[in-house]
C-alpha atoms as a PDB file:
ATOM      1  CA  UNK A   1     -21.202 -26.967   5.540  1.00  0.00           C
ATOM      2  CA  UNK A   2     -19.332 -23.428   4.539  1.00  0.00           C
ATOM      3  CA  UNK A   3     -20.531 -21.725   1.460  1.00  0.00           C
ATOM      4  CA  UNK A   4     -17.764 -22.060  -1.157  1.00  0.00           C
ATOM      5  CA  UNK A   5     -19.126 -19.086  -3.078  1.00  0.00           C
ATOM      6  CA  UNK A   6     -18.501 -16.829   0.044  1.00  0.00           C
ATOM      7  CA  UNK A   7     -15.085 -15.478  -1.307  1.00  0.00           C
ATOM      8  CA  UNK A   8     -16.043 -14.935  -4.811  1.00  0.00           C
ATOM      9  CA  UNK A   9     -19.314 -12.973  -3.565  1.00  0.00           C
ATOM     10  CA  UNK A  10     -17.111 -10.951  -1.373  1.00  0.00           C
ATOM     11  CA  UNK A  11     -14.788 -10.022  -4.453  1.00  0.00           C
ATOM     12  CA  UNK A  12     -17.818  -9.374  -6.542  1.00  0.00           C
ATOM     13  CA  UNK A  13     -19.100  -6.875  -4.300  1.00  0.00           C
ATOM     14  CA  UNK A  14     -15.905  -4.896  -3.709  1.00  0.00           C
ATOM     15  CA  UNK A  15     -15.291  -2.084  -6.064  1.00  0.00           C
ATOM     16  CA  UNK A  16     -11.692  -1.762  -7.862  1.00  0.00           C
ATOM     17  CA  UNK A  17     -11.127   1.566  -6.058  1.00  0.00           C
ATOM     18  CA  UNK A  18     -11.861  -0.114  -2.641  1.00  0.00           C
ATOM     19  CA  UNK A  19      -9.519  -3.042  -3.568  1.00  0.00           C
ATOM     20  CA  UNK A  20      -6.657  -0.761  -4.421  1.00  0.00           C
ATOM     21  CA  UNK A  21      -7.413   1.340  -1.326  1.00  0.00           C
ATOM     22  CA  UNK A  22      -6.757  -1.837   0.885  1.00  0.00           C
ATOM     23  CA  UNK A  23      -3.881  -3.012  -1.335  1.00  0.00           C
ATOM     24  CA  UNK A  24      -1.908   0.412  -0.841  1.00  0.00           C
ATOM     25  CA  UNK A  25      -2.702   0.410   2.836  1.00  0.00           C
ATOM     26  CA  UNK A  26      -1.480  -2.865   3.374  1.00  0.00           C
ATOM     27  CA  UNK A  27       1.658  -2.029   1.368  1.00  0.00           C
ATOM     28  CA  UNK A  28       2.118   0.941   3.647  1.00  0.00           C
ATOM     29  CA  UNK A  29       1.859  -1.121   6.897  1.00  0.00           C
ATOM     30  CA  UNK A  30       4.449  -3.258   5.667  1.00  0.00           C
ATOM     31  CA  UNK A  31       6.692  -0.889   5.105  1.00  0.00           C
ATOM     32  CA  UNK A  32       6.105   0.793   8.766  1.00  0.00           C
ATOM     33  CA  UNK A  33       6.745  -2.498  10.354  1.00  0.00           C
ATOM     34  CA  UNK A  34       9.803  -3.440   8.394  1.00  0.00           C
ATOM     35  CA  UNK A  35      11.337  -0.018   8.481  1.00  0.00           C
ATOM     36  CA  UNK A  36      10.678   0.025  12.469  1.00  0.00           C
ATOM     37  CA  UNK A  37      12.750  -3.633  12.747  1.00  0.00           C
ATOM     38  CA  UNK A  38      16.301  -3.699  13.692  1.00  0.00           C
ATOM     39  CA  UNK A  39      17.789  -3.893  11.371  1.00  0.00           C
ATOM     40  CA  UNK A  40      15.360  -2.197   8.974  1.00  0.00           C
ATOM     41  CA  UNK A  41      14.685  -3.721   5.744  1.00  0.00           C
ATOM     42  CA  UNK A  42      15.521  -0.986   3.421  1.00  0.00           C
ATOM     43  CA  UNK A  43      15.733  -3.168   0.257  1.00  0.00           C
ATOM     44  CA  UNK A  44      12.106  -4.672   0.974  1.00  0.00           C
ATOM     45  CA  UNK A  45      10.930  -1.380   1.711  1.00  0.00           C
ATOM     46  CA  UNK A  46      12.191   0.316  -1.168  1.00  0.00           C
ATOM     47  CA  UNK A  47      10.626  -2.459  -3.497  1.00  0.00           C
ATOM     48  CA  UNK A  48       7.099  -2.114  -1.569  1.00  0.00           C
ATOM     49  CA  UNK A  49       7.225   1.678  -2.141  1.00  0.00           C
ATOM     50  CA  UNK A  50       8.212   1.574  -5.693  1.00  0.00           C
ATOM     51  CA  UNK A  51       5.351  -0.719  -6.560  1.00  0.00           C
ATOM     52  CA  UNK A  52       2.851   1.446  -4.354  1.00  0.00           C
ATOM     53  CA  UNK A  53       4.111   4.323  -6.469  1.00  0.00           C
ATOM     54  CA  UNK A  54       3.552   2.748  -9.854  1.00  0.00           C
ATOM     55  CA  UNK A  55       0.037   1.790  -8.659  1.00  0.00           C
ATOM     56  CA  UNK A  56      -0.818   5.366  -7.577  1.00  0.00           C
ATOM     57  CA  UNK A  57       0.796   6.787 -10.824  1.00  0.00           C
ATOM     58  CA  UNK A  58      -1.089   4.332 -13.230  1.00  0.00           C
ATOM     59  CA  UNK A  59      -4.502   4.564 -11.278  1.00  0.00           C
ATOM     60  CA  UNK A  60      -4.090   8.534 -10.936  1.00  0.00           C
ATOM     61  CA  UNK A  61      -7.626  10.254 -10.722  1.00  0.00           C
ATOM     62  CA  UNK A  62      -9.175   6.830 -11.283  1.00  0.00           C
ATOM     63  CA  UNK A  63      -8.208   6.003  -7.603  1.00  0.00           C
ATOM     64  CA  UNK A  64     -11.302   8.330  -6.717  1.00  0.00           C
ATOM     65  CA  UNK A  65     -11.574  11.302  -4.222  1.00  0.00           C
ATOM     66  CA  UNK A  66      -8.476   9.935  -1.653  1.00  0.00           C
ATOM     67  CA  UNK A  67      -6.038  10.107  -4.372  1.00  0.00           C
ATOM     68  CA  UNK A  68      -4.365  13.002  -3.039  1.00  0.00           C
ATOM     69  CA  UNK A  69      -4.210  11.060   0.305  1.00  0.00           C
ATOM     70  CA  UNK A  70      -2.311   8.180  -1.051  1.00  0.00           C
ATOM     71  CA  UNK A  71       0.313  10.504  -2.715  1.00  0.00           C
ATOM     72  CA  UNK A  72       0.893  12.208   0.859  1.00  0.00           C
ATOM     73  CA  UNK A  73       1.022   8.623   2.469  1.00  0.00           C
ATOM     74  CA  UNK A  74       3.157   7.370   0.035  1.00  0.00           C
ATOM     75  CA  UNK A  75       5.486  10.583   0.344  1.00  0.00           C
ATOM     76  CA  UNK A  76       5.482  10.141   4.203  1.00  0.00           C
ATOM     77  CA  UNK A  77       6.569   6.299   3.900  1.00  0.00           C
ATOM     78  CA  UNK A  78       9.579   7.714   1.482  1.00  0.00           C
ATOM     79  CA  UNK A  79      10.505  10.051   4.475  1.00  0.00           C
ATOM     80  CA  UNK A  80      10.549   6.970   6.913  1.00  0.00           C
ATOM     81  CA  UNK A  81      12.527   5.036   4.304  1.00  0.00           C
ATOM     82  CA  UNK A  82      15.136   8.077   4.529  1.00  0.00           C
ATOM     83  CA  UNK A  83      15.136   8.065   8.389  1.00  0.00           C
ATOM     84  CA  UNK A  84      15.626   4.364   8.636  1.00  0.00           C
ATOM     85  CA  UNK A  85      18.697   4.697   6.069  1.00  0.00           C
ATOM     86  CA  UNK A  86      20.393   7.126   8.370  1.00  0.00           C
ATOM     87  CA  UNK A  87      19.954   5.191  11.594  1.00  0.00           C
END
């Protein structure tokens, strides 16, 4: 029988910084996939990027040593959105 406490234990072992890093990476991957589609989902990508931006702004330095990496990834995703809008 599966251990029903396994998901809880996994979540309990995860730091807030690691959870947010995974969350941000997932959001940016979603954008990459949907901006590469034909036609690109500009509205969805814009929403996702606004939410990622809010998360990064709210977390700021509390996101840990990779905060600047998140900022750069978000800037690159915004550039991808602009390129997709011009296609």
